[in-house]
Amino acid sequence: PKPALACFYYGQAEMLKEAFLDAQGSYLKGLNYNRIHYKCLLGLYDLLMQRKMYAEAYEVIRRMQKYFPANPKRLASVIRLAVINHKYSDIEQFYTVFKELEFRDDEIVRYMCAGLIVSAQHALGADPKSGRGIELLSQAAVSCAGQPYFLRRVMEVLSEHRLSEPMASVLSRFTPQAQTETDYL
């Protein structure tokens, strides 16, 4: 029974792989007719994400982000994929889009702040005196709207890189109530 079961699973895997290639081919064919067809881009993106093909999914969602209005859920996905694919320089472009959003839910704020902090760590790792890294941390401190976790993370990164000058402005962003809690102390 075990060899038969293995053959069954192998056959299922082959069928799934074939179905994936067929679906991918259909989406790519549609994009040959119209390179910015929304439903083809979205379908291809979903397909690539299911297959954990993050680099390819990032390119597709970047194209969508370029041509179609931003929404918080898609922006969160773009930020996540930028970090996964080590595209830290793209985070600054997404911050511009983030600032223009009319509504920012907690999820997009978390993704944006986390993306800014990771990008800042990368910039400071490459050049510890980087004004760019400090600017990214400043943007995270502003964007987190006083959330102690992110303010603490900004302070930790500044401390790791022995950058005491910008710390005072970050500390001032803690609310009076948060100044009695562990993150501030």
N, C-alpha and C. Protein backbone atom coordinates (compact mmCIF):
# COMPACT_ATOMS: atom_id res chain seq x y z
N PRO A 1 0.81 -1.21 0.00
CA PRO A 1 0.00 0.00 0.00
C PRO A 1 0.85 1.27 0.00
N LYS A 2 2.02 1.26 0.64
CA LYS A 2 2.83 2.47 0.69
C LYS A 2 3.33 2.90 -0.69
N PRO A 3 3.85 1.99 -1.53
CA PRO A 3 4.26 2.43 -2.86
C PRO A 3 3.10 2.98 -3.68
N ALA A 4 1.94 2.38 -3.53
CA ALA A 4 0.77 2.87 -4.27
C ALA A 4 0.40 4.27 -3.78
N LEU A 5 0.48 4.48 -2.48
CA LEU A 5 0.18 5.79 -1.91
C LEU A 5 1.19 6.83 -2.37
N ALA A 6 2.47 6.43 -2.42
CA ALA A 6 3.51 7.34 -2.90
C ALA A 6 3.26 7.72 -4.36
N CYS A 7 2.87 6.75 -5.16
CA CYS A 7 2.56 7.04 -6.57
C CYS A 7 1.37 7.98 -6.67
N PHE A 8 0.38 7.77 -5.81
CA PHE A 8 -0.79 8.64 -5.81
C PHE A 8 -0.37 10.09 -5.49
N TYR A 9 0.44 10.27 -4.43
CA TYR A 9 0.87 11.62 -4.05
C TYR A 9 1.77 12.23 -5.11
N TYR A 10 2.62 11.44 -5.70
CA TYR A 10 3.48 11.94 -6.78
C TYR A 10 2.62 12.39 -7.96
N GLY A 11 1.61 11.60 -8.27
CA GLY A 11 0.69 11.96 -9.36
C GLY A 11 -0.05 13.25 -9.04
N GLN A 12 -0.48 13.40 -7.79
CA GLN A 12 -1.17 14.63 -7.39
C GLN A 12 -0.24 15.82 -7.49
N ALA A 13 1.00 15.65 -7.07
CA ALA A 13 1.97 16.75 -7.14
C ALA A 13 2.22 17.16 -8.59
N GLU A 14 2.33 16.16 -9.46
CA GLU A 14 2.53 16.46 -10.88
C GLU A 14 1.33 17.19 -11.48
N MET A 15 0.14 16.77 -11.07
CA MET A 15 -1.08 17.43 -11.57
C MET A 15 -1.14 18.88 -11.07
N LEU A 16 -0.78 19.09 -9.82
CA LEU A 16 -0.77 20.45 -9.28
C LEU A 16 0.26 21.32 -9.99
N LYS A 17 1.42 20.74 -10.24
CA LYS A 17 2.46 21.49 -10.94
C LYS A 17 1.99 21.87 -12.34
N GLU A 18 1.35 20.93 -13.01
CA GLU A 18 0.83 21.19 -14.36
C GLU A 18 -0.26 22.26 -14.32
N ALA A 19 -1.13 22.18 -13.31
CA ALA A 19 -2.20 23.18 -13.17
C ALA A 19 -1.60 24.56 -12.91
N PHE A 20 -0.55 24.61 -12.09
CA PHE A 20 0.12 25.89 -11.83
C PHE A 20 0.70 26.46 -13.12
N LEU A 21 1.38 25.63 -13.88
CA LEU A 21 1.99 26.11 -15.13
C LEU A 21 0.93 26.56 -16.12
N ASP A 22 -0.19 25.85 -16.17
CA ASP A 22 -1.29 26.25 -17.05
C ASP A 22 -1.86 27.60 -16.64
N ALA A 23 -2.10 27.76 -15.34
CA ALA A 23 -2.66 29.02 -14.84
C ALA A 23 -1.68 30.16 -15.07
N GLN A 24 -0.41 29.91 -14.78
CA GLN A 24 0.61 30.95 -14.99
C GLN A 24 0.68 31.33 -16.47
N GLY A 25 0.63 30.34 -17.33
CA GLY A 25 0.65 30.60 -18.76
C GLY A 25 -0.54 31.42 -19.21
N SER A 26 -1.71 31.12 -18.66
CA SER A 26 -2.92 31.88 -19.02
C SER A 26 -2.80 33.33 -18.58
N TYR A 27 -2.30 33.56 -17.37
CA TYR A 27 -2.15 34.94 -16.90
C TYR A 27 -1.11 35.69 -17.75
N LEU A 28 -0.02 35.02 -18.06
CA LEU A 28 1.02 35.68 -18.87
C LEU A 28 0.52 35.96 -20.28
N LYS A 29 -0.30 35.06 -20.82
CA LYS A 29 -0.88 35.28 -22.14
C LYS A 29 -1.79 36.51 -22.10
N GLY A 30 -2.61 36.62 -21.07
CA GLY A 30 -3.46 37.78 -20.91
C GLY A 30 -2.66 39.07 -20.79
N LEU A 31 -1.53 38.99 -20.09
CA LEU A 31 -0.68 40.17 -19.92
C LEU A 31 0.06 40.53 -21.21
N ASN A 32 0.21 39.57 -22.12
CA ASN A 32 0.79 39.89 -23.43
C ASN A 32 -0.16 40.78 -24.23
N TYR A 33 -1.45 40.57 -24.04
CA TYR A 33 -2.45 41.40 -24.73
C TYR A 33 -2.55 42.78 -24.08
N ASN A 34 -2.51 42.80 -22.76
CA ASN A 34 -2.62 44.05 -22.01
C ASN A 34 -1.71 43.92 -20.79
N ARG A 35 -0.55 44.56 -20.85
CA ARG A 35 0.48 44.34 -19.82
C ARG A 35 0.09 44.83 -18.43
N ILE A 36 -1.00 45.60 -18.33
CA ILE A 36 -1.44 46.05 -17.01
C ILE A 36 -2.87 45.60 -16.70
N HIS A 37 -3.28 44.47 -17.25
CA HIS A 37 -4.62 43.94 -16.98
C HIS A 37 -4.70 43.56 -15.50
N TYR A 38 -5.57 44.25 -14.78
CA TYR A 38 -5.63 44.12 -13.33
C TYR A 38 -5.89 42.69 -12.87
N LYS A 39 -6.90 42.04 -13.45
CA LYS A 39 -7.24 40.69 -12.98
C LYS A 39 -6.15 39.67 -13.29
N CYS A 40 -5.46 39.84 -14.41
CA CYS A 40 -4.34 38.94 -14.73
C CYS A 40 -3.18 39.17 -13.75
N LEU A 41 -2.89 40.43 -13.46
CA LEU A 41 -1.82 40.73 -12.50
C LEU A 41 -2.17 40.18 -11.12
N LEU A 42 -3.39 40.40 -10.70
CA LEU A 42 -3.81 39.92 -9.38
C LEU A 42 -3.80 38.39 -9.31
N GLY A 43 -4.29 37.74 -10.34
CA GLY A 43 -4.27 36.28 -10.37
C GLY A 43 -2.86 35.72 -10.36
N LEU A 44 -1.98 36.33 -11.16
CA LEU A 44 -0.59 35.89 -11.20
C LEU A 44 0.09 36.11 -9.85
N TYR A 45 -0.18 37.26 -9.24
CA TYR A 45 0.38 37.55 -7.92
C TYR A 45 -0.06 36.50 -6.90
N ASP A 46 -1.37 36.23 -6.84
CA ASP A 46 -1.88 35.22 -5.90
C ASP A 46 -1.26 33.86 -6.15
N LEU A 47 -1.13 33.50 -7.39
CA LEU A 47 -0.55 32.22 -7.77
C LEU A 47 0.91 32.13 -7.31
N LEU A 48 1.67 33.18 -7.56
CA LEU A 48 3.09 33.19 -7.17
C LEU A 48 3.24 33.17 -5.65
N MET A 49 2.37 33.86 -4.94
CA MET A 49 2.43 33.85 -3.48
C MET A 49 2.13 32.45 -2.93
N GLN A 50 1.16 31.77 -3.52
CA GLN A 50 0.85 30.41 -3.08
C GLN A 50 2.05 29.48 -3.27
N ARG A 51 2.80 29.72 -4.31
CA ARG A 51 3.98 28.90 -4.60
C ARG A 51 5.24 29.40 -3.89
N LYS A 52 5.10 30.46 -3.08
CA LYS A 52 6.21 31.07 -2.34
C LYS A 52 7.33 31.55 -3.26
N MET A 53 6.92 32.05 -4.41
CA MET A 53 7.87 32.61 -5.39
C MET A 53 7.87 34.13 -5.16
N TYR A 54 8.52 34.52 -4.06
CA TYR A 54 8.42 35.89 -3.57
C TYR A 54 9.07 36.93 -4.48
N ALA A 55 10.17 36.62 -5.10
CA ALA A 55 10.82 37.59 -5.98
C ALA A 55 9.92 37.92 -7.17
N GLU A 56 9.33 36.89 -7.76
CA GLU A 56 8.45 37.11 -8.90
C GLU A 56 7.17 37.82 -8.48
N ALA A 57 6.63 37.43 -7.32
CA ALA A 57 5.41 38.06 -6.80
C ALA A 57 5.66 39.54 -6.52
N TYR A 58 6.86 39.85 -6.03
CA TYR A 58 7.20 41.25 -5.75
C TYR A 58 7.18 42.08 -7.04
N GLU A 59 7.72 41.55 -8.09
CA GLU A 59 7.73 42.29 -9.36
C GLU A 59 6.31 42.52 -9.87
N VAL A 60 5.46 41.53 -9.72
CA VAL A 60 4.08 41.67 -10.18
C VAL A 60 3.34 42.71 -9.34
N ILE A 61 3.49 42.64 -8.04
CA ILE A 61 2.75 43.58 -7.20
C ILE A 61 3.31 45.00 -7.32
N ARG A 62 4.59 45.12 -7.61
CA ARG A 62 5.16 46.46 -7.86
C ARG A 62 4.52 47.07 -9.11
N ARG A 63 4.31 46.25 -10.12
CA ARG A 63 3.66 46.74 -11.34
C ARG A 63 2.22 47.16 -11.03
N MET A 64 1.53 46.38 -10.22
CA MET A 64 0.17 46.74 -9.83
C MET A 64 0.17 48.05 -9.04
N GLN A 65 1.10 48.18 -8.14
CA GLN A 65 1.19 49.38 -7.30
C GLN A 65 1.45 50.61 -8.16
N LYS A 66 2.18 50.42 -9.22
CA LYS A 66 2.54 51.53 -10.10
C LYS A 66 1.33 52.05 -10.89
N TYR A 67 0.45 51.15 -11.32
CA TYR A 67 -0.63 51.53 -12.22
C TYR A 67 -2.01 51.66 -11.57
N PHE A 68 -2.18 51.07 -10.40
CA PHE A 68 -3.50 51.08 -9.79
C PHE A 68 -3.43 51.76 -8.43
N PRO A 69 -4.50 52.42 -8.05
CA PRO A 69 -4.50 53.16 -6.78
C PRO A 69 -4.12 52.27 -5.60
N ALA A 70 -3.41 52.87 -4.69
CA ALA A 70 -2.95 52.12 -3.52
C ALA A 70 -4.11 51.84 -2.58
N ASN A 71 -4.06 50.70 -1.97
CA ASN A 71 -4.96 50.42 -0.86
C ASN A 71 -4.10 49.83 0.25
N PRO A 72 -4.51 50.00 1.50
CA PRO A 72 -3.67 49.57 2.61
C PRO A 72 -3.25 48.10 2.57
N LYS A 73 -4.16 47.22 2.18
CA LYS A 73 -3.83 45.79 2.17
C LYS A 73 -2.73 45.49 1.15
N ARG A 74 -2.85 46.04 -0.05
CA ARG A 74 -1.84 45.80 -1.08
C ARG A 74 -0.52 46.44 -0.68
N LEU A 75 -0.58 47.64 -0.11
CA LEU A 75 0.65 48.31 0.31
C LEU A 75 1.37 47.49 1.38
N ALA A 76 0.61 46.91 2.30
CA ALA A 76 1.22 46.05 3.32
C ALA A 76 1.92 44.86 2.67
N SER A 77 1.31 44.27 1.64
CA SER A 77 1.93 43.15 0.93
C SER A 77 3.21 43.58 0.22
N VAL A 78 3.18 44.76 -0.38
CA VAL A 78 4.36 45.25 -1.09
C VAL A 78 5.50 45.48 -0.11
N ILE A 79 5.19 46.07 1.03
CA ILE A 79 6.23 46.33 2.04
C ILE A 79 6.82 45.02 2.54
N ARG A 80 5.96 44.06 2.83
CA ARG A 80 6.43 42.75 3.31
C ARG A 80 7.35 42.09 2.29
N LEU A 81 6.93 42.11 1.03
CA LEU A 81 7.74 41.48 -0.02
C LEU A 81 9.04 42.25 -0.27
N ALA A 82 9.01 43.56 -0.12
CA ALA A 82 10.24 44.35 -0.28
C ALA A 82 11.27 43.92 0.76
N VAL A 83 10.83 43.72 2.00
CA VAL A 83 11.74 43.29 3.06
C VAL A 83 12.22 41.87 2.79
N ILE A 84 11.32 40.97 2.42
CA ILE A 84 11.71 39.58 2.12
C ILE A 84 12.75 39.53 1.01
N ASN A 85 12.58 40.39 0.00
CA ASN A 85 13.48 40.40 -1.16
C ASN A 85 14.65 41.37 -1.01
N HIS A 86 14.82 41.93 0.18
CA HIS A 86 15.94 42.84 0.48
C HIS A 86 15.94 44.07 -0.44
N LYS A 87 14.77 44.59 -0.75
CA LYS A 87 14.63 45.79 -1.58
C LYS A 87 14.39 46.98 -0.65
N TYR A 88 15.34 47.23 0.23
CA TYR A 88 15.16 48.24 1.27
C TYR A 88 15.02 49.65 0.71
N SER A 89 15.66 49.92 -0.39
CA SER A 89 15.57 51.27 -0.95
C SER A 89 14.16 51.58 -1.45
N ASP A 90 13.37 50.56 -1.76
CA ASP A 90 12.00 50.77 -2.22
C ASP A 90 11.07 51.23 -1.09
N ILE A 91 11.45 50.96 0.14
CA ILE A 91 10.60 51.29 1.28
C ILE A 91 10.32 52.79 1.32
N GLU A 92 11.29 53.61 0.96
CA GLU A 92 11.09 55.06 0.97
C GLU A 92 9.99 55.47 -0.01
N GLN A 93 9.92 54.83 -1.17
CA GLN A 93 8.84 55.12 -2.12
C GLN A 93 7.49 54.73 -1.53
N PHE A 94 7.46 53.63 -0.82
CA PHE A 94 6.20 53.18 -0.22
C PHE A 94 5.78 54.11 0.92
N TYR A 95 6.76 54.71 1.57
CA TYR A 95 6.44 55.66 2.64
C TYR A 95 5.70 56.87 2.06
N THR A 96 6.09 57.28 0.88
CA THR A 96 5.40 58.39 0.22
C THR A 96 3.95 58.03 -0.05
N VAL A 97 3.72 56.82 -0.54
CA VAL A 97 2.36 56.33 -0.80
C VAL A 97 1.60 56.23 0.53
N PHE A 98 2.26 55.73 1.55
CA PHE A 98 1.65 55.57 2.88
C PHE A 98 1.16 56.91 3.41
N LYS A 99 1.95 57.95 3.25
CA LYS A 99 1.56 59.27 3.76
C LYS A 99 0.34 59.81 3.03
N GLU A 100 0.13 59.39 1.80
CA GLU A 100 -1.00 59.89 1.01
C GLU A 100 -2.30 59.12 1.23
N LEU A 101 -2.23 58.01 1.95
CA LEU A 101 -3.44 57.23 2.22
C LEU A 101 -4.39 58.03 3.11
N GLU A 102 -5.67 58.00 2.75
CA GLU A 102 -6.66 58.70 3.56
C GLU A 102 -6.92 57.95 4.86
N PHE A 103 -6.94 56.63 4.79
CA PHE A 103 -7.21 55.81 5.96
C PHE A 103 -6.04 54.85 6.16
N ARG A 104 -5.52 54.82 7.38
CA ARG A 104 -4.43 53.90 7.71
C ARG A 104 -4.87 53.05 8.89
N ASP A 105 -5.07 51.77 8.64
CA ASP A 105 -5.44 50.89 9.74
C ASP A 105 -4.18 50.44 10.48
N ASP A 106 -4.38 49.75 11.59
CA ASP A 106 -3.24 49.31 12.41
C ASP A 106 -2.29 48.42 11.65
N GLU A 107 -2.82 47.58 10.77
CA GLU A 107 -1.97 46.65 10.03
C GLU A 107 -0.98 47.38 9.13
N ILE A 108 -1.46 48.36 8.36
CA ILE A 108 -0.54 49.07 7.46
C ILE A 108 0.46 49.90 8.26
N VAL A 109 0.03 50.45 9.39
CA VAL A 109 0.97 51.21 10.24
C VAL A 109 2.07 50.29 10.75
N ARG A 110 1.69 49.09 11.19
CA ARG A 110 2.70 48.13 11.67
C ARG A 110 3.68 47.74 10.57
N TYR A 111 3.15 47.41 9.37
CA TYR A 111 4.02 47.03 8.27
C TYR A 111 4.94 48.17 7.87
N MET A 112 4.39 49.39 7.81
CA MET A 112 5.20 50.53 7.38
C MET A 112 6.30 50.81 8.39
N CYS A 113 5.96 50.83 9.67
CA CYS A 113 6.97 51.11 10.70
C CYS A 113 8.03 50.02 10.74
N ALA A 114 7.61 48.77 10.65
CA ALA A 114 8.57 47.66 10.65
C ALA A 114 9.48 47.75 9.42
N GLY A 115 8.90 48.05 8.26
CA GLY A 115 9.70 48.19 7.04
C GLY A 115 10.70 49.33 7.14
N LEU A 116 10.28 50.46 7.71
CA LEU A 116 11.19 51.59 7.88
C LEU A 116 12.33 51.25 8.83
N ILE A 117 12.01 50.56 9.91
CA ILE A 117 13.05 50.20 10.88
C ILE A 117 14.05 49.21 10.28
N VAL A 118 13.56 48.20 9.58
CA VAL A 118 14.46 47.23 8.94
C VAL A 118 15.33 47.93 7.89
N SER A 119 14.73 48.82 7.12
CA SER A 119 15.50 49.56 6.10
C SER A 119 16.55 50.44 6.76
N ALA A 120 16.20 51.05 7.88
CA ALA A 120 17.15 51.89 8.60
C ALA A 120 18.31 51.05 9.13
N GLN A 121 18.00 49.87 9.66
CA GLN A 121 19.07 48.98 10.14
C GLN A 121 20.01 48.61 9.01
N HIS A 122 19.45 48.34 7.84
CA HIS A 122 20.28 48.02 6.68
C HIS A 122 21.15 49.21 6.29
N ALA A 123 20.55 50.40 6.24
CA ALA A 123 21.31 51.60 5.87
C ALA A 123 22.40 51.91 6.89
N LEU A 124 22.09 51.78 8.17
CA LEU A 124 23.09 52.04 9.21
C LEU A 124 24.17 50.96 9.24
N GLY A 125 23.81 49.74 8.87
CA GLY A 125 24.80 48.67 8.79
C GLY A 125 25.81 48.92 7.68
N ALA A 126 25.32 49.49 6.58
CA ALA A 126 26.20 49.81 5.45
C ALA A 126 27.04 51.04 5.74
N ASP A 127 26.44 52.03 6.40
CA ASP A 127 27.14 53.28 6.72
C ASP A 127 26.59 53.79 8.05
N PRO A 128 27.31 53.51 9.16
CA PRO A 128 26.81 53.85 10.49
C PRO A 128 26.48 55.33 10.70
N LYS A 129 27.07 56.19 9.97
CA LYS A 129 26.78 57.63 10.11
C LYS A 129 25.78 58.09 9.06
N SER A 130 25.09 57.14 8.47
CA SER A 130 24.15 57.42 7.39
C SER A 130 23.01 58.32 7.84
N GLY A 131 22.89 59.45 7.19
CA GLY A 131 21.75 60.32 7.45
C GLY A 131 20.47 59.65 6.98
N ARG A 132 20.58 58.81 5.98
CA ARG A 132 19.42 58.10 5.45
C ARG A 132 18.83 57.17 6.50
N GLY A 133 19.66 56.44 7.20
CA GLY A 133 19.19 55.54 8.25
C GLY A 133 18.50 56.29 9.37
N ILE A 134 19.08 57.40 9.76
CA ILE A 134 18.49 58.22 10.82
C ILE A 134 17.15 58.79 10.36
N GLU A 135 17.07 59.21 9.10
CA GLU A 135 15.82 59.74 8.55
C GLU A 135 14.73 58.66 8.53
N LEU A 136 15.09 57.45 8.16
CA LEU A 136 14.12 56.35 8.15
C LEU A 136 13.61 56.06 9.56
N LEU A 137 14.49 56.10 10.54
CA LEU A 137 14.07 55.89 11.92
C LEU A 137 13.16 57.02 12.39
N SER A 138 13.47 58.22 11.98
CA SER A 138 12.62 59.37 12.32
C SER A 138 11.23 59.20 11.72
N GLN A 139 11.17 58.74 10.48
CA GLN A 139 9.88 58.51 9.82
C GLN A 139 9.09 57.42 10.56
N ALA A 140 9.78 56.39 11.01
CA ALA A 140 9.10 55.33 11.76
C ALA A 140 8.56 55.87 13.08
N ALA A 141 9.34 56.70 13.75
CA ALA A 141 8.90 57.27 15.02
C ALA A 141 7.67 58.15 14.84
N VAL A 142 7.62 58.88 13.75
CA VAL A 142 6.45 59.73 13.47
C VAL A 142 5.25 58.87 13.07
N SER A 143 5.47 57.90 12.21
CA SER A 143 4.38 57.10 11.65
C SER A 143 3.72 56.16 12.65
N CYS A 144 4.43 55.79 13.69
CA CYS A 144 3.86 54.82 14.63
C CYS A 144 2.81 55.44 15.55
N ALA A 145 2.65 56.75 15.47
CA ALA A 145 1.62 57.45 16.24
C ALA A 145 1.70 57.13 17.74
N GLY A 146 2.91 57.14 18.25
CA GLY A 146 3.10 56.96 19.68
C GLY A 146 3.04 55.53 20.19
N GLN A 147 3.02 54.55 19.31
CA GLN A 147 2.98 53.15 19.76
C GLN A 147 4.32 52.82 20.43
N PRO A 148 4.28 52.50 21.71
CA PRO A 148 5.52 52.29 22.47
C PRO A 148 6.45 51.23 21.88
N TYR A 149 5.89 50.15 21.33
CA TYR A 149 6.75 49.09 20.79
C TYR A 149 7.67 49.63 19.71
N PHE A 150 7.13 50.40 18.77
CA PHE A 150 7.95 50.91 17.67
C PHE A 150 8.90 52.00 18.14
N LEU A 151 8.45 52.84 19.05
CA LEU A 151 9.36 53.86 19.58
C LEU A 151 10.53 53.19 20.30
N ARG A 152 10.23 52.13 21.02
CA ARG A 152 11.31 51.39 21.70
C ARG A 152 12.28 50.79 20.67
N ARG A 153 11.75 50.19 19.61
CA ARG A 153 12.61 49.61 18.57
C ARG A 153 13.50 50.68 17.93
N VAL A 154 12.94 51.85 17.68
CA VAL A 154 13.73 52.95 17.11
C VAL A 154 14.85 53.30 18.08
N MET A 155 14.54 53.41 19.36
CA MET A 155 15.56 53.73 20.37
C MET A 155 16.64 52.64 20.43
N GLU A 156 16.23 51.39 20.33
CA GLU A 156 17.20 50.29 20.37
C GLU A 156 18.16 50.36 19.19
N VAL A 157 17.63 50.65 18.00
CA VAL A 157 18.50 50.74 16.81
C VAL A 157 19.45 51.92 16.95
N LEU A 158 18.95 53.04 17.40
CA LEU A 158 19.82 54.21 17.61
C LEU A 158 20.91 53.87 18.63
N SER A 159 20.52 53.17 19.69
CA SER A 159 21.48 52.79 20.73
C SER A 159 22.53 51.81 20.20
N GLU A 160 22.08 50.84 19.42
CA GLU A 160 23.02 49.86 18.84
C GLU A 160 24.09 50.54 18.00
N HIS A 161 23.72 51.64 17.36
CA HIS A 161 24.66 52.34 16.49
C HIS A 161 25.27 53.57 17.17
N ARG A 162 25.06 53.67 18.49
CA ARG A 162 25.62 54.76 19.31
C ARG A 162 25.28 56.15 18.74
N LEU A 163 24.02 56.31 18.38
CA LEU A 163 23.52 57.57 17.83
C LEU A 163 22.62 58.22 18.88
N SER A 164 23.22 58.95 19.80
CA SER A 164 22.45 59.51 20.91
C SER A 164 21.73 60.81 20.56
N GLU A 165 22.22 61.52 19.56
CA GLU A 165 21.62 62.82 19.24
C GLU A 165 20.13 62.74 18.90
N PRO A 166 19.69 61.83 18.01
CA PRO A 166 18.26 61.79 17.67
C PRO A 166 17.36 61.17 18.74
N MET A 167 17.96 60.63 19.80
CA MET A 167 17.16 59.94 20.81
C MET A 167 16.19 60.85 21.55
N ALA A 168 16.58 62.08 21.80
CA ALA A 168 15.72 63.00 22.56
C ALA A 168 14.39 63.22 21.85
N SER A 169 14.43 63.40 20.54
CA SER A 169 13.17 63.63 19.82
C SER A 169 12.29 62.38 19.82
N VAL A 170 12.91 61.21 19.82
CA VAL A 170 12.13 59.97 19.86
C VAL A 170 11.51 59.81 21.25
N LEU A 171 12.27 60.08 22.28
CA LEU A 171 11.74 59.97 23.65
C LEU A 171 10.56 60.91 23.87
N SER A 172 10.60 62.07 23.24
CA SER A 172 9.50 63.03 23.41
C SER A 172 8.21 62.54 22.76
N ARG A 173 8.26 61.53 21.94
CA ARG A 173 7.07 61.01 21.27
C ARG A 173 6.29 60.04 22.15
N PHE A 174 6.86 59.59 23.24
CA PHE A 174 6.12 58.73 24.18
C PHE A 174 5.07 59.59 24.88
N THR A 175 3.87 59.07 24.96
CA THR A 175 2.81 59.79 25.66
C THR A 175 3.12 59.81 27.16
N PRO A 176 2.56 60.76 27.91
CA PRO A 176 2.81 60.78 29.36
C PRO A 176 2.45 59.45 30.03
N GLN A 177 1.36 58.83 29.59
CA GLN A 177 0.96 57.55 30.16
C GLN A 177 2.01 56.48 29.85
N ALA A 178 2.54 56.46 28.62
CA ALA A 178 3.52 55.46 28.21
C ALA A 178 4.86 55.66 28.92
N GLN A 179 5.09 56.85 29.43
CA GLN A 179 6.37 57.13 30.11
C GLN A 179 6.48 56.43 31.46
N THR A 180 5.42 55.84 31.92
CA THR A 180 5.47 55.07 33.16
C THR A 180 5.61 53.58 32.90
N GLU A 181 5.57 53.20 31.63
CA GLU A 181 5.60 51.77 31.27
C GLU A 181 7.01 51.31 30.92
N THR A 182 7.17 50.01 30.82
CA THR A 182 8.47 49.38 30.61
C THR A 182 9.16 49.84 29.34
N ASP A 183 8.43 49.98 28.24
CA ASP A 183 9.06 50.36 26.98
C ASP A 183 9.81 51.69 27.11
N TYR A 184 9.23 52.62 27.79
CA TYR A 184 9.88 53.93 27.97
C TYR A 184 11.03 53.82 28.97
N LEU A 185 10.76 53.17 30.09
CA LEU A 185 11.77 53.09 31.15
C LEU A 185 12.99 52.34 30.67
